[in-house]
Amino acid sequence: MIKGIIFDFWGTLVENGVFPSPVRQVRFMLNLRIPFSEFIVKFEESFMMSEPESLTEAFTKVCKVFNIEPKKDMIENLVGMWNKNMLLAKPYPETIETLERLKKDYKIGLISNTDKFSLEPLLEKFGLDKYFDYTALSYKMNMLKTNPKMFEDVLSSLGISKEESIMVGDSMETDIKGATNAGVKPVLIDRRNVRTYENKIMNLKDIDKFLK
């Protein structure tokens, strides 16, 4: 029996304010030719596992990780794009309604690879924090979702086992892989229906079929 649901944040509950996603824009703005799967790991390790004083400091570190000179105009453009995303980001139309309904019967956790500056202000802005029984953020825990310990922390805090939970996310590289590594059943949310995956939904309202 499913007793708890663990949600990803970006692209799952909350729509990015820029398109393509800010992470993909960083790769483009740095003119990196490496595969996205390789880029995302190095980027998240450098950007989402610490607490820098500012986005300028955070993006300077990213540049150095990829052996790119952190020129002033480049850093300013990256910071501007990241701030624009935060300003324009908003919950998907069905997010609040779905969380409100699920909250009545299930433990709800939030797990996210995120920087210090983005996610928590949005939780407060849209009143989302009240729906989560526990929140695990990579920058605070100094680990990413692909580390099973991050999921173990969420499960322990929710008081449920991995067999009693599912994880809903939009990223194959982090969400689906992370849940699989931790032994939690992953559910992919693919709003544009462009990926092939067995456990898939296109809208959060469709999650019920995995809660039976």
N, C-alpha and C. Protein backbone atom coordinates (compact mmCIF):
# COMPACT_ATOMS: atom_id res chain seq x y z
N MET A 1 0.85 -1.21 0.00
CA MET A 1 0.00 0.00 0.00
C MET A 1 0.88 1.25 0.00
N ILE A 2 0.56 2.19 -0.87
CA ILE A 2 1.31 3.43 -0.94
C ILE A 2 0.83 4.37 0.17
N LYS A 3 1.80 4.85 0.96
CA LYS A 3 1.48 5.76 2.05
C LYS A 3 2.08 7.15 1.87
N GLY A 4 3.03 7.25 0.93
CA GLY A 4 3.69 8.53 0.76
C GLY A 4 4.12 8.78 -0.67
N ILE A 5 4.15 10.05 -1.04
CA ILE A 5 4.55 10.47 -2.37
C ILE A 5 5.67 11.49 -2.24
N ILE A 6 6.74 11.25 -2.97
CA ILE A 6 7.87 12.18 -2.98
C ILE A 6 7.87 12.90 -4.33
N PHE A 7 7.84 14.21 -4.28
CA PHE A 7 7.80 15.00 -5.51
C PHE A 7 9.12 15.72 -5.76
N ASP A 8 9.48 15.78 -7.03
CA ASP A 8 10.48 16.73 -7.49
C ASP A 8 9.80 18.10 -7.56
N PHE A 9 10.57 19.16 -7.72
CA PHE A 9 10.01 20.51 -7.74
C PHE A 9 9.96 21.09 -9.15
N TRP A 10 11.14 21.41 -9.69
CA TRP A 10 11.21 22.08 -10.99
C TRP A 10 10.74 21.14 -12.11
N GLY A 11 9.81 21.61 -12.93
CA GLY A 11 9.33 20.82 -14.05
C GLY A 11 8.32 19.75 -13.67
N THR A 12 8.10 19.60 -12.38
CA THR A 12 7.12 18.62 -11.88
C THR A 12 5.95 19.33 -11.23
N LEU A 13 6.24 20.14 -10.23
CA LEU A 13 5.22 20.92 -9.54
C LEU A 13 5.19 22.37 -10.02
N VAL A 14 6.36 22.87 -10.35
CA VAL A 14 6.49 24.28 -10.73
C VAL A 14 7.10 24.40 -12.12
N GLU A 15 6.48 25.23 -12.92
CA GLU A 15 6.91 25.46 -14.30
C GLU A 15 8.02 26.51 -14.32
N ASN A 16 9.10 26.21 -15.01
CA ASN A 16 10.18 27.17 -15.13
C ASN A 16 9.68 28.45 -15.79
N GLY A 17 10.30 29.56 -15.42
CA GLY A 17 9.91 30.84 -15.98
C GLY A 17 10.57 31.17 -17.30
N VAL A 18 11.52 30.35 -17.72
CA VAL A 18 12.18 30.54 -19.01
C VAL A 18 12.19 29.22 -19.75
N PHE A 19 12.22 29.30 -21.07
CA PHE A 19 12.27 28.11 -21.91
C PHE A 19 13.28 28.35 -23.03
N PRO A 20 14.15 27.35 -23.28
CA PRO A 20 14.34 26.09 -22.56
C PRO A 20 14.65 26.32 -21.08
N SER A 21 14.69 25.24 -20.33
CA SER A 21 14.90 25.33 -18.88
C SER A 21 16.19 26.09 -18.58
N PRO A 22 16.26 26.71 -17.42
CA PRO A 22 17.47 27.47 -17.07
C PRO A 22 18.74 26.64 -17.09
N VAL A 23 18.65 25.39 -16.70
CA VAL A 23 19.83 24.53 -16.72
C VAL A 23 20.33 24.34 -18.15
N ARG A 24 19.41 24.10 -19.08
CA ARG A 24 19.80 23.94 -20.48
C ARG A 24 20.33 25.26 -21.05
N GLN A 25 19.80 26.36 -20.57
CA GLN A 25 20.31 27.65 -21.04
C GLN A 25 21.73 27.90 -20.54
N VAL A 26 22.02 27.47 -19.34
CA VAL A 26 23.39 27.60 -18.83
C VAL A 26 24.36 26.87 -19.76
N ARG A 27 24.02 25.65 -20.12
CA ARG A 27 24.87 24.87 -21.03
C ARG A 27 25.09 25.61 -22.35
N PHE A 28 24.02 26.20 -22.89
CA PHE A 28 24.12 26.93 -24.15
C PHE A 28 24.96 28.20 -23.98
N MET A 29 24.72 28.94 -22.90
CA MET A 29 25.42 30.20 -22.68
C MET A 29 26.91 30.00 -22.42
N LEU A 30 27.27 28.84 -21.89
CA LEU A 30 28.69 28.52 -21.68
C LEU A 30 29.31 27.89 -22.92
N ASN A 31 28.47 27.68 -23.95
CA ASN A 31 28.93 27.11 -25.22
C ASN A 31 29.62 25.77 -25.02
N LEU A 32 28.99 24.94 -24.20
CA LEU A 32 29.55 23.62 -23.91
C LEU A 32 29.03 22.60 -24.91
N ARG A 33 29.92 21.78 -25.44
CA ARG A 33 29.55 20.79 -26.46
C ARG A 33 29.41 19.39 -25.89
N ILE A 34 29.58 19.26 -24.59
CA ILE A 34 29.51 17.93 -23.99
C ILE A 34 28.05 17.48 -23.91
N PRO A 35 27.79 16.17 -23.85
CA PRO A 35 26.42 15.68 -23.73
C PRO A 35 25.73 16.24 -22.50
N PHE A 36 24.43 16.44 -22.59
CA PHE A 36 23.68 17.01 -21.46
C PHE A 36 23.81 16.13 -20.22
N SER A 37 23.80 14.81 -20.40
CA SER A 37 23.89 13.89 -19.26
C SER A 37 25.20 14.08 -18.50
N GLU A 38 26.26 14.43 -19.20
CA GLU A 38 27.54 14.70 -18.55
C GLU A 38 27.55 16.09 -17.93
N PHE A 39 27.00 17.04 -18.65
CA PHE A 39 26.94 18.42 -18.16
C PHE A 39 26.14 18.53 -16.86
N ILE A 40 24.97 17.92 -16.81
CA ILE A 40 24.07 18.13 -15.69
C ILE A 40 24.67 17.64 -14.38
N VAL A 41 25.43 16.57 -14.43
CA VAL A 41 26.06 16.05 -13.22
C VAL A 41 27.09 17.04 -12.68
N LYS A 42 27.96 17.51 -13.54
CA LYS A 42 29.00 18.45 -13.11
C LYS A 42 28.40 19.78 -12.68
N PHE A 43 27.37 20.22 -13.39
CA PHE A 43 26.73 21.49 -13.04
C PHE A 43 26.07 21.41 -11.68
N GLU A 44 25.29 20.38 -11.45
CA GLU A 44 24.58 20.28 -10.18
C GLU A 44 25.54 20.08 -9.02
N GLU A 45 26.61 19.34 -9.24
CA GLU A 45 27.61 19.15 -8.17
C GLU A 45 28.25 20.47 -7.78
N SER A 46 28.48 21.34 -8.74
CA SER A 46 29.16 22.60 -8.46
C SER A 46 28.20 23.69 -8.00
N PHE A 47 26.95 23.64 -8.45
CA PHE A 47 26.01 24.73 -8.24
C PHE A 47 24.98 24.44 -7.15
N MET A 48 24.73 23.17 -6.88
CA MET A 48 23.60 22.82 -6.02
C MET A 48 23.98 21.99 -4.80
N MET A 49 25.25 22.03 -4.43
CA MET A 49 25.67 21.27 -3.26
C MET A 49 26.43 22.13 -2.25
N SER A 50 26.18 23.42 -2.29
CA SER A 50 26.86 24.32 -1.36
C SER A 50 26.03 25.58 -1.17
N GLU A 51 26.48 26.46 -0.31
CA GLU A 51 25.75 27.68 0.00
C GLU A 51 26.60 28.92 -0.24
N PRO A 52 26.77 29.30 -1.50
CA PRO A 52 27.57 30.50 -1.81
C PRO A 52 26.85 31.75 -1.34
N GLU A 53 27.57 32.85 -1.28
CA GLU A 53 27.00 34.10 -0.81
C GLU A 53 26.09 34.74 -1.85
N SER A 54 26.32 34.44 -3.14
CA SER A 54 25.55 35.08 -4.19
C SER A 54 25.52 34.20 -5.43
N LEU A 55 24.62 34.53 -6.36
CA LEU A 55 24.59 33.82 -7.64
C LEU A 55 25.85 34.11 -8.44
N THR A 56 26.39 35.28 -8.27
CA THR A 56 27.65 35.61 -8.96
C THR A 56 28.74 34.65 -8.53
N GLU A 57 28.85 34.43 -7.25
CA GLU A 57 29.84 33.48 -6.73
C GLU A 57 29.56 32.07 -7.23
N ALA A 58 28.28 31.70 -7.26
CA ALA A 58 27.90 30.35 -7.67
C ALA A 58 28.24 30.11 -9.14
N PHE A 59 27.93 31.06 -10.02
CA PHE A 59 28.20 30.88 -11.44
C PHE A 59 29.70 31.00 -11.75
N THR A 60 30.41 31.76 -10.97
CA THR A 60 31.86 31.82 -11.13
C THR A 60 32.47 30.45 -10.87
N LYS A 61 31.96 29.78 -9.85
CA LYS A 61 32.42 28.43 -9.54
C LYS A 61 32.10 27.48 -10.67
N VAL A 62 30.90 27.60 -11.25
CA VAL A 62 30.51 26.74 -12.38
C VAL A 62 31.47 26.92 -13.54
N CYS A 63 31.78 28.16 -13.86
CA CYS A 63 32.71 28.43 -14.97
C CYS A 63 34.05 27.75 -14.73
N LYS A 64 34.55 27.84 -13.53
CA LYS A 64 35.85 27.25 -13.23
C LYS A 64 35.81 25.73 -13.34
N VAL A 65 34.69 25.13 -12.96
CA VAL A 65 34.54 23.67 -13.06
C VAL A 65 34.65 23.22 -14.51
N PHE A 66 34.13 24.04 -15.42
CA PHE A 66 34.17 23.69 -16.85
C PHE A 66 35.34 24.34 -17.57
N ASN A 67 36.29 24.85 -16.80
CA ASN A 67 37.51 25.46 -17.36
C ASN A 67 37.20 26.61 -18.31
N ILE A 68 36.24 27.44 -17.90
CA ILE A 68 35.85 28.61 -18.67
C ILE A 68 36.18 29.86 -17.86
N GLU A 69 36.77 30.84 -18.53
CA GLU A 69 37.09 32.09 -17.85
C GLU A 69 35.79 32.80 -17.45
N PRO A 70 35.60 33.10 -16.16
CA PRO A 70 34.35 33.73 -15.71
C PRO A 70 34.33 35.23 -16.01
N LYS A 71 34.10 35.58 -17.26
CA LYS A 71 34.07 36.98 -17.66
C LYS A 71 32.84 37.67 -17.06
N LYS A 72 32.99 38.96 -16.76
CA LYS A 72 31.96 39.71 -16.07
C LYS A 72 30.62 39.69 -16.81
N ASP A 73 30.65 39.93 -18.13
CA ASP A 73 29.39 39.98 -18.87
C ASP A 73 28.71 38.61 -18.93
N MET A 74 29.51 37.55 -19.01
CA MET A 74 28.95 36.20 -19.01
C MET A 74 28.26 35.90 -17.69
N ILE A 75 28.92 36.23 -16.58
CA ILE A 75 28.34 35.98 -15.26
C ILE A 75 27.07 36.80 -15.08
N GLU A 76 27.08 38.04 -15.51
CA GLU A 76 25.90 38.89 -15.38
C GLU A 76 24.73 38.33 -16.19
N ASN A 77 25.01 37.80 -17.37
CA ASN A 77 23.95 37.22 -18.20
C ASN A 77 23.37 35.96 -17.56
N LEU A 78 24.24 35.15 -16.99
CA LEU A 78 23.78 33.94 -16.31
C LEU A 78 22.92 34.28 -15.10
N VAL A 79 23.37 35.23 -14.31
CA VAL A 79 22.61 35.65 -13.12
C VAL A 79 21.27 36.24 -13.54
N GLY A 80 21.28 37.05 -14.60
CA GLY A 80 20.04 37.66 -15.07
C GLY A 80 19.04 36.62 -15.53
N MET A 81 19.51 35.63 -16.28
CA MET A 81 18.63 34.56 -16.75
C MET A 81 18.06 33.78 -15.58
N TRP A 82 18.90 33.46 -14.59
CA TRP A 82 18.47 32.68 -13.43
C TRP A 82 17.43 33.45 -12.62
N ASN A 83 17.65 34.75 -12.46
CA ASN A 83 16.69 35.57 -11.73
C ASN A 83 15.37 35.70 -12.48
N LYS A 84 15.44 35.79 -13.80
CA LYS A 84 14.22 35.86 -14.61
C LYS A 84 13.40 34.60 -14.43
N ASN A 85 14.08 33.46 -14.39
CA ASN A 85 13.37 32.20 -14.17
C ASN A 85 12.64 32.21 -12.84
N MET A 86 13.31 32.67 -11.80
CA MET A 86 12.67 32.71 -10.48
C MET A 86 11.49 33.67 -10.46
N LEU A 87 11.62 34.79 -11.17
CA LEU A 87 10.57 35.80 -11.18
C LEU A 87 9.31 35.30 -11.88
N LEU A 88 9.49 34.54 -12.96
CA LEU A 88 8.36 34.13 -13.79
C LEU A 88 7.87 32.71 -13.52
N ALA A 89 8.60 31.95 -12.72
CA ALA A 89 8.19 30.58 -12.41
C ALA A 89 6.85 30.56 -11.68
N LYS A 90 6.06 29.52 -11.92
CA LYS A 90 4.76 29.42 -11.26
C LYS A 90 4.33 27.95 -11.23
N PRO A 91 3.47 27.60 -10.27
CA PRO A 91 2.98 26.21 -10.22
C PRO A 91 2.18 25.88 -11.48
N TYR A 92 2.25 24.61 -11.88
CA TYR A 92 1.40 24.17 -12.98
C TYR A 92 -0.06 24.29 -12.56
N PRO A 93 -0.99 24.43 -13.50
CA PRO A 93 -2.39 24.68 -13.17
C PRO A 93 -3.00 23.69 -12.18
N GLU A 94 -2.58 22.42 -12.25
CA GLU A 94 -3.19 21.41 -11.38
C GLU A 94 -2.40 21.14 -10.12
N THR A 95 -1.27 21.83 -9.91
CA THR A 95 -0.39 21.51 -8.79
C THR A 95 -1.06 21.67 -7.43
N ILE A 96 -1.58 22.83 -7.15
CA ILE A 96 -2.14 23.09 -5.82
C ILE A 96 -3.36 22.20 -5.56
N GLU A 97 -4.20 22.07 -6.56
CA GLU A 97 -5.39 21.22 -6.41
C GLU A 97 -4.98 19.77 -6.09
N THR A 98 -3.96 19.27 -6.79
CA THR A 98 -3.51 17.90 -6.57
C THR A 98 -2.89 17.72 -5.20
N LEU A 99 -2.03 18.65 -4.80
CA LEU A 99 -1.40 18.56 -3.48
C LEU A 99 -2.45 18.66 -2.37
N GLU A 100 -3.42 19.52 -2.55
CA GLU A 100 -4.49 19.68 -1.56
C GLU A 100 -5.23 18.37 -1.37
N ARG A 101 -5.51 17.70 -2.46
CA ARG A 101 -6.26 16.44 -2.40
C ARG A 101 -5.42 15.32 -1.79
N LEU A 102 -4.17 15.21 -2.23
CA LEU A 102 -3.31 14.13 -1.75
C LEU A 102 -2.95 14.28 -0.28
N LYS A 103 -2.84 15.52 0.15
CA LYS A 103 -2.45 15.81 1.53
C LYS A 103 -3.39 15.16 2.54
N LYS A 104 -4.63 14.93 2.15
CA LYS A 104 -5.62 14.36 3.07
C LYS A 104 -5.35 12.90 3.41
N ASP A 105 -4.68 12.19 2.50
CA ASP A 105 -4.52 10.74 2.69
C ASP A 105 -3.08 10.23 2.67
N TYR A 106 -2.14 11.07 2.28
CA TYR A 106 -0.76 10.60 2.10
C TYR A 106 0.24 11.54 2.75
N LYS A 107 1.37 10.97 3.13
CA LYS A 107 2.53 11.77 3.50
C LYS A 107 3.13 12.32 2.21
N ILE A 108 3.55 13.56 2.23
CA ILE A 108 4.09 14.16 1.03
C ILE A 108 5.48 14.75 1.31
N GLY A 109 6.44 14.32 0.51
CA GLY A 109 7.80 14.82 0.65
C GLY A 109 8.22 15.58 -0.60
N LEU A 110 9.18 16.45 -0.44
CA LEU A 110 9.75 17.20 -1.56
C LEU A 110 11.24 16.95 -1.57
N ILE A 111 11.77 16.60 -2.74
CA ILE A 111 13.20 16.36 -2.87
C ILE A 111 13.68 17.10 -4.12
N SER A 112 14.74 17.87 -3.98
CA SER A 112 15.13 18.68 -5.12
C SER A 112 16.63 18.96 -5.15
N ASN A 113 17.18 18.84 -6.34
CA ASN A 113 18.51 19.38 -6.61
C ASN A 113 18.29 20.86 -6.91
N THR A 114 18.72 21.72 -6.02
CA THR A 114 18.44 23.14 -6.19
C THR A 114 19.52 23.98 -5.56
N ASP A 115 19.61 25.20 -6.01
CA ASP A 115 20.57 26.14 -5.44
C ASP A 115 19.97 26.80 -4.20
N LYS A 116 20.76 27.63 -3.58
CA LYS A 116 20.38 28.27 -2.32
C LYS A 116 19.29 29.34 -2.50
N PHE A 117 19.17 29.87 -3.72
CA PHE A 117 18.40 31.10 -3.89
C PHE A 117 17.02 30.94 -4.50
N SER A 118 16.71 29.80 -5.08
CA SER A 118 15.54 29.70 -5.95
C SER A 118 14.28 29.12 -5.31
N LEU A 119 14.40 27.92 -4.78
CA LEU A 119 13.22 27.13 -4.46
C LEU A 119 12.43 27.66 -3.27
N GLU A 120 13.08 27.93 -2.18
CA GLU A 120 12.37 28.29 -0.96
C GLU A 120 11.56 29.59 -1.07
N PRO A 121 12.06 30.62 -1.77
CA PRO A 121 11.22 31.81 -1.97
C PRO A 121 9.94 31.49 -2.74
N LEU A 122 10.00 30.53 -3.67
CA LEU A 122 8.82 30.17 -4.43
C LEU A 122 7.83 29.36 -3.59
N LEU A 123 8.35 28.52 -2.71
CA LEU A 123 7.47 27.80 -1.78
C LEU A 123 6.64 28.79 -0.96
N GLU A 124 7.31 29.82 -0.49
CA GLU A 124 6.63 30.84 0.32
C GLU A 124 5.70 31.70 -0.54
N LYS A 125 6.17 32.09 -1.71
CA LYS A 125 5.38 32.96 -2.59
C LYS A 125 4.04 32.36 -2.95
N PHE A 126 4.03 31.06 -3.24
CA PHE A 126 2.80 30.41 -3.68
C PHE A 126 2.12 29.58 -2.59
N GLY A 127 2.63 29.66 -1.38
CA GLY A 127 2.02 28.95 -0.27
C GLY A 127 2.11 27.44 -0.40
N LEU A 128 3.18 26.94 -1.01
CA LEU A 128 3.31 25.50 -1.24
C LEU A 128 3.90 24.75 -0.06
N ASP A 129 4.64 25.46 0.78
CA ASP A 129 5.36 24.77 1.86
C ASP A 129 4.43 24.02 2.80
N LYS A 130 3.20 24.44 2.95
CA LYS A 130 2.27 23.80 3.89
C LYS A 130 1.87 22.40 3.46
N TYR A 131 2.11 22.05 2.22
CA TYR A 131 1.70 20.73 1.72
C TYR A 131 2.73 19.64 1.99
N PHE A 132 3.94 20.02 2.36
CA PHE A 132 5.02 19.03 2.49
C PHE A 132 5.31 18.70 3.95
N ASP A 133 5.33 17.40 4.21
CA ASP A 133 5.68 16.94 5.55
C ASP A 133 7.18 16.97 5.78
N TYR A 134 7.93 16.94 4.69
CA TYR A 134 9.39 17.02 4.82
C TYR A 134 9.97 17.48 3.49
N THR A 135 11.00 18.30 3.58
CA THR A 135 11.66 18.84 2.39
C THR A 135 13.15 18.56 2.45
N ALA A 136 13.68 17.97 1.39
CA ALA A 136 15.12 17.67 1.30
C ALA A 136 15.70 18.42 0.11
N LEU A 137 16.61 19.34 0.39
CA LEU A 137 17.21 20.17 -0.65
C LEU A 137 18.70 19.90 -0.75
N SER A 138 19.17 19.74 -1.96
CA SER A 138 20.56 19.32 -2.19
C SER A 138 21.58 20.28 -1.59
N TYR A 139 21.34 21.59 -1.71
CA TYR A 139 22.35 22.54 -1.24
C TYR A 139 22.51 22.50 0.28
N LYS A 140 21.45 22.11 0.98
CA LYS A 140 21.53 21.99 2.43
C LYS A 140 22.16 20.67 2.86
N MET A 141 21.92 19.62 2.06
CA MET A 141 22.36 18.28 2.45
C MET A 141 23.72 17.91 1.85
N ASN A 142 24.21 18.77 0.96
CA ASN A 142 25.50 18.52 0.30
C ASN A 142 25.50 17.18 -0.42
N MET A 143 24.38 16.86 -1.07
CA MET A 143 24.29 15.65 -1.89
C MET A 143 23.18 15.84 -2.90
N LEU A 144 23.22 15.03 -3.95
CA LEU A 144 22.21 15.10 -5.00
C LEU A 144 21.25 13.92 -4.91
N LYS A 145 20.15 14.01 -5.64
CA LYS A 145 19.12 12.98 -5.60
C LYS A 145 19.62 11.61 -6.05
N THR A 146 20.67 11.57 -6.84
CA THR A 146 21.20 10.29 -7.28
C THR A 146 21.89 9.54 -6.14
N ASN A 147 22.09 10.21 -5.03
CA ASN A 147 22.64 9.57 -3.83
C ASN A 147 21.48 8.97 -3.02
N PRO A 148 21.44 7.65 -2.87
CA PRO A 148 20.32 7.01 -2.14
C PRO A 148 20.10 7.58 -0.74
N LYS A 149 21.14 8.12 -0.13
CA LYS A 149 21.00 8.65 1.23
C LYS A 149 20.00 9.80 1.29
N MET A 150 19.88 10.53 0.20
CA MET A 150 18.94 11.65 0.19
C MET A 150 17.51 11.14 0.25
N PHE A 151 17.22 10.08 -0.48
CA PHE A 151 15.89 9.48 -0.42
C PHE A 151 15.67 8.81 0.93
N GLU A 152 16.69 8.17 1.45
CA GLU A 152 16.57 7.51 2.74
C GLU A 152 16.21 8.51 3.83
N ASP A 153 16.78 9.70 3.74
CA ASP A 153 16.48 10.76 4.70
C ASP A 153 15.01 11.16 4.62
N VAL A 154 14.51 11.29 3.40
CA VAL A 154 13.10 11.66 3.21
C VAL A 154 12.18 10.57 3.75
N LEU A 155 12.46 9.33 3.38
CA LEU A 155 11.62 8.21 3.83
C LEU A 155 11.60 8.10 5.35
N SER A 156 12.77 8.23 5.95
CA SER A 156 12.85 8.14 7.41
C SER A 156 12.05 9.26 8.07
N SER A 157 12.16 10.46 7.52
CA SER A 157 11.45 11.60 8.09
C SER A 157 9.94 11.49 7.90
N LEU A 158 9.53 10.86 6.81
CA LEU A 158 8.10 10.67 6.57
C LEU A 158 7.55 9.47 7.34
N GLY A 159 8.44 8.61 7.81
CA GLY A 159 8.02 7.43 8.56
C GLY A 159 7.41 6.35 7.69
N ILE A 160 7.93 6.22 6.46
CA ILE A 160 7.43 5.20 5.55
C ILE A 160 8.62 4.44 4.94
N SER A 161 8.33 3.27 4.37
CA SER A 161 9.38 2.49 3.73
C SER A 161 9.41 2.79 2.23
N LYS A 162 10.46 2.33 1.57
CA LYS A 162 10.55 2.56 0.13
C LYS A 162 9.45 1.82 -0.63
N GLU A 163 8.99 0.69 -0.06
CA GLU A 163 7.91 -0.06 -0.70
C GLU A 163 6.56 0.66 -0.57
N GLU A 164 6.49 1.60 0.36
CA GLU A 164 5.23 2.33 0.61
C GLU A 164 5.21 3.69 -0.06
N SER A 165 6.16 3.91 -0.97
CA SER A 165 6.29 5.24 -1.55
C SER A 165 6.47 5.19 -3.06
N ILE A 166 6.18 6.31 -3.69
CA ILE A 166 6.53 6.52 -5.09
C ILE A 166 7.18 7.88 -5.21
N MET A 167 7.93 8.07 -6.28
CA MET A 167 8.58 9.35 -6.53
C MET A 167 8.15 9.86 -7.89
N VAL A 168 7.70 11.11 -7.95
CA VAL A 168 7.24 11.70 -9.21
C VAL A 168 8.21 12.81 -9.62
N GLY A 169 8.76 12.68 -10.84
CA GLY A 169 9.69 13.68 -11.33
C GLY A 169 9.73 13.73 -12.83
N ASP A 170 10.35 14.76 -13.38
CA ASP A 170 10.36 14.96 -14.83
C ASP A 170 11.70 14.66 -15.48
N SER A 171 12.72 14.35 -14.70
CA SER A 171 14.05 14.14 -15.25
C SER A 171 14.48 12.68 -15.17
N MET A 172 14.83 12.12 -16.31
CA MET A 172 15.35 10.75 -16.33
C MET A 172 16.70 10.70 -15.64
N GLU A 173 17.53 11.75 -15.85
CA GLU A 173 18.91 11.75 -15.35
C GLU A 173 19.00 11.86 -13.83
N THR A 174 18.05 12.57 -13.22
CA THR A 174 18.14 12.79 -11.77
C THR A 174 16.98 12.15 -11.00
N ASP A 175 15.75 12.41 -11.42
CA ASP A 175 14.59 11.91 -10.67
C ASP A 175 14.41 10.40 -10.80
N ILE A 176 14.31 9.95 -12.03
CA ILE A 176 14.07 8.52 -12.25
C ILE A 176 15.28 7.70 -11.81
N LYS A 177 16.46 8.16 -12.15
CA LYS A 177 17.67 7.46 -11.74
C LYS A 177 17.82 7.48 -10.23
N GLY A 178 17.56 8.63 -9.62
CA GLY A 178 17.70 8.75 -8.16
C GLY A 178 16.75 7.84 -7.42
N ALA A 179 15.49 7.82 -7.84
CA ALA A 179 14.51 6.96 -7.18
C ALA A 179 14.88 5.49 -7.37
N THR A 180 15.28 5.13 -8.56
CA THR A 180 15.67 3.75 -8.85
C THR A 180 16.84 3.33 -7.98
N ASN A 181 17.84 4.21 -7.84
CA ASN A 181 19.01 3.92 -7.00
C ASN A 181 18.60 3.65 -5.55
N ALA A 182 17.53 4.32 -5.11
CA ALA A 182 17.10 4.20 -3.72
C ALA A 182 16.07 3.11 -3.51
N GLY A 183 15.66 2.45 -4.58
CA GLY A 183 14.67 1.39 -4.47
C GLY A 183 13.25 1.89 -4.35
N VAL A 184 13.02 3.14 -4.74
CA VAL A 184 11.68 3.74 -4.71
C VAL A 184 11.10 3.69 -6.12
N LYS A 185 9.82 3.35 -6.23
CA LYS A 185 9.19 3.27 -7.55
C LYS A 185 9.10 4.66 -8.16
N PRO A 186 9.71 4.85 -9.34
CA PRO A 186 9.67 6.17 -9.98
C PRO A 186 8.50 6.30 -10.95
N VAL A 187 7.93 7.49 -11.00
CA VAL A 187 6.89 7.82 -11.98
C VAL A 187 7.35 9.07 -12.72
N LEU A 188 7.44 8.96 -14.02
CA LEU A 188 7.88 10.08 -14.86
C LEU A 188 6.70 10.94 -15.24
N ILE A 189 6.80 12.25 -15.04
CA ILE A 189 5.79 13.15 -15.57
C ILE A 189 6.37 13.76 -16.85
N ASP A 190 5.70 13.50 -17.93
CA ASP A 190 6.16 13.91 -19.26
C ASP A 190 5.03 14.69 -19.92
N ARG A 191 4.98 15.98 -19.62
CA ARG A 191 3.84 16.81 -20.02
C ARG A 191 3.68 16.94 -21.52
N ARG A 192 4.76 16.82 -22.26
CA ARG A 192 4.68 16.94 -23.73
C ARG A 192 4.65 15.57 -24.42
N ASN A 193 4.67 14.51 -23.62
CA ASN A 193 4.57 13.14 -24.15
C ASN A 193 5.61 12.87 -25.23
N VAL A 194 6.87 13.13 -24.89
CA VAL A 194 7.94 12.95 -25.88
C VAL A 194 8.91 11.83 -25.50
N ARG A 195 8.70 11.21 -24.34
CA ARG A 195 9.61 10.15 -23.91
C ARG A 195 8.86 8.85 -23.67
N THR A 196 9.58 7.78 -23.89
CA THR A 196 9.01 6.45 -23.68
C THR A 196 9.44 5.92 -22.32
N TYR A 197 8.47 5.66 -21.46
CA TYR A 197 8.77 5.13 -20.13
C TYR A 197 7.53 4.43 -19.62
N GLU A 198 7.69 3.30 -18.98
CA GLU A 198 6.55 2.49 -18.57
C GLU A 198 5.65 3.21 -17.57
N ASN A 199 6.24 3.73 -16.50
CA ASN A 199 5.45 4.40 -15.46
C ASN A 199 5.43 5.90 -15.76
N LYS A 200 4.45 6.34 -16.53
CA LYS A 200 4.45 7.72 -17.00
C LYS A 200 3.07 8.36 -16.88
N ILE A 201 3.07 9.63 -16.52
CA ILE A 201 1.86 10.43 -16.54
C ILE A 201 2.16 11.73 -17.29
N MET A 202 1.10 12.38 -17.77
CA MET A 202 1.26 13.64 -18.48
C MET A 202 0.71 14.81 -17.67
N ASN A 203 0.05 14.50 -16.57
CA ASN A 203 -0.56 15.52 -15.73
C ASN A 203 -0.59 14.99 -14.30
N LEU A 204 -0.37 15.85 -13.33
CA LEU A 204 -0.34 15.39 -11.94
C LEU A 204 -1.65 14.74 -11.51
N LYS A 205 -2.74 15.12 -12.13
CA LYS A 205 -4.03 14.53 -11.78
C LYS A 205 -4.07 13.03 -12.08
N ASP A 206 -3.19 12.59 -12.97
CA ASP A 206 -3.19 11.17 -13.36
C ASP A 206 -2.43 10.27 -12.39
N ILE A 207 -1.94 10.84 -11.31
CA ILE A 207 -1.10 10.09 -10.37
C ILE A 207 -1.86 8.97 -9.66
N ASP A 208 -3.18 9.10 -9.60
CA ASP A 208 -3.98 8.14 -8.84
C ASP A 208 -3.78 6.69 -9.28
N LYS A 209 -3.49 6.48 -10.55
CA LYS A 209 -3.35 5.09 -11.02
C LYS A 209 -2.14 4.40 -10.43
N PHE A 210 -1.23 5.16 -9.83
CA PHE A 210 -0.05 4.57 -9.18
C PHE A 210 -0.19 4.51 -7.67
N LEU A 211 -1.37 4.85 -7.18
CA LEU A 211 -1.60 4.87 -5.73
C LEU A 211 -2.51 3.76 -5.26
N LYS A 212 -2.93 2.91 -6.19
CA LYS A 212 -3.85 1.82 -5.84
C LYS A 212 -3.17 0.80 -4.93
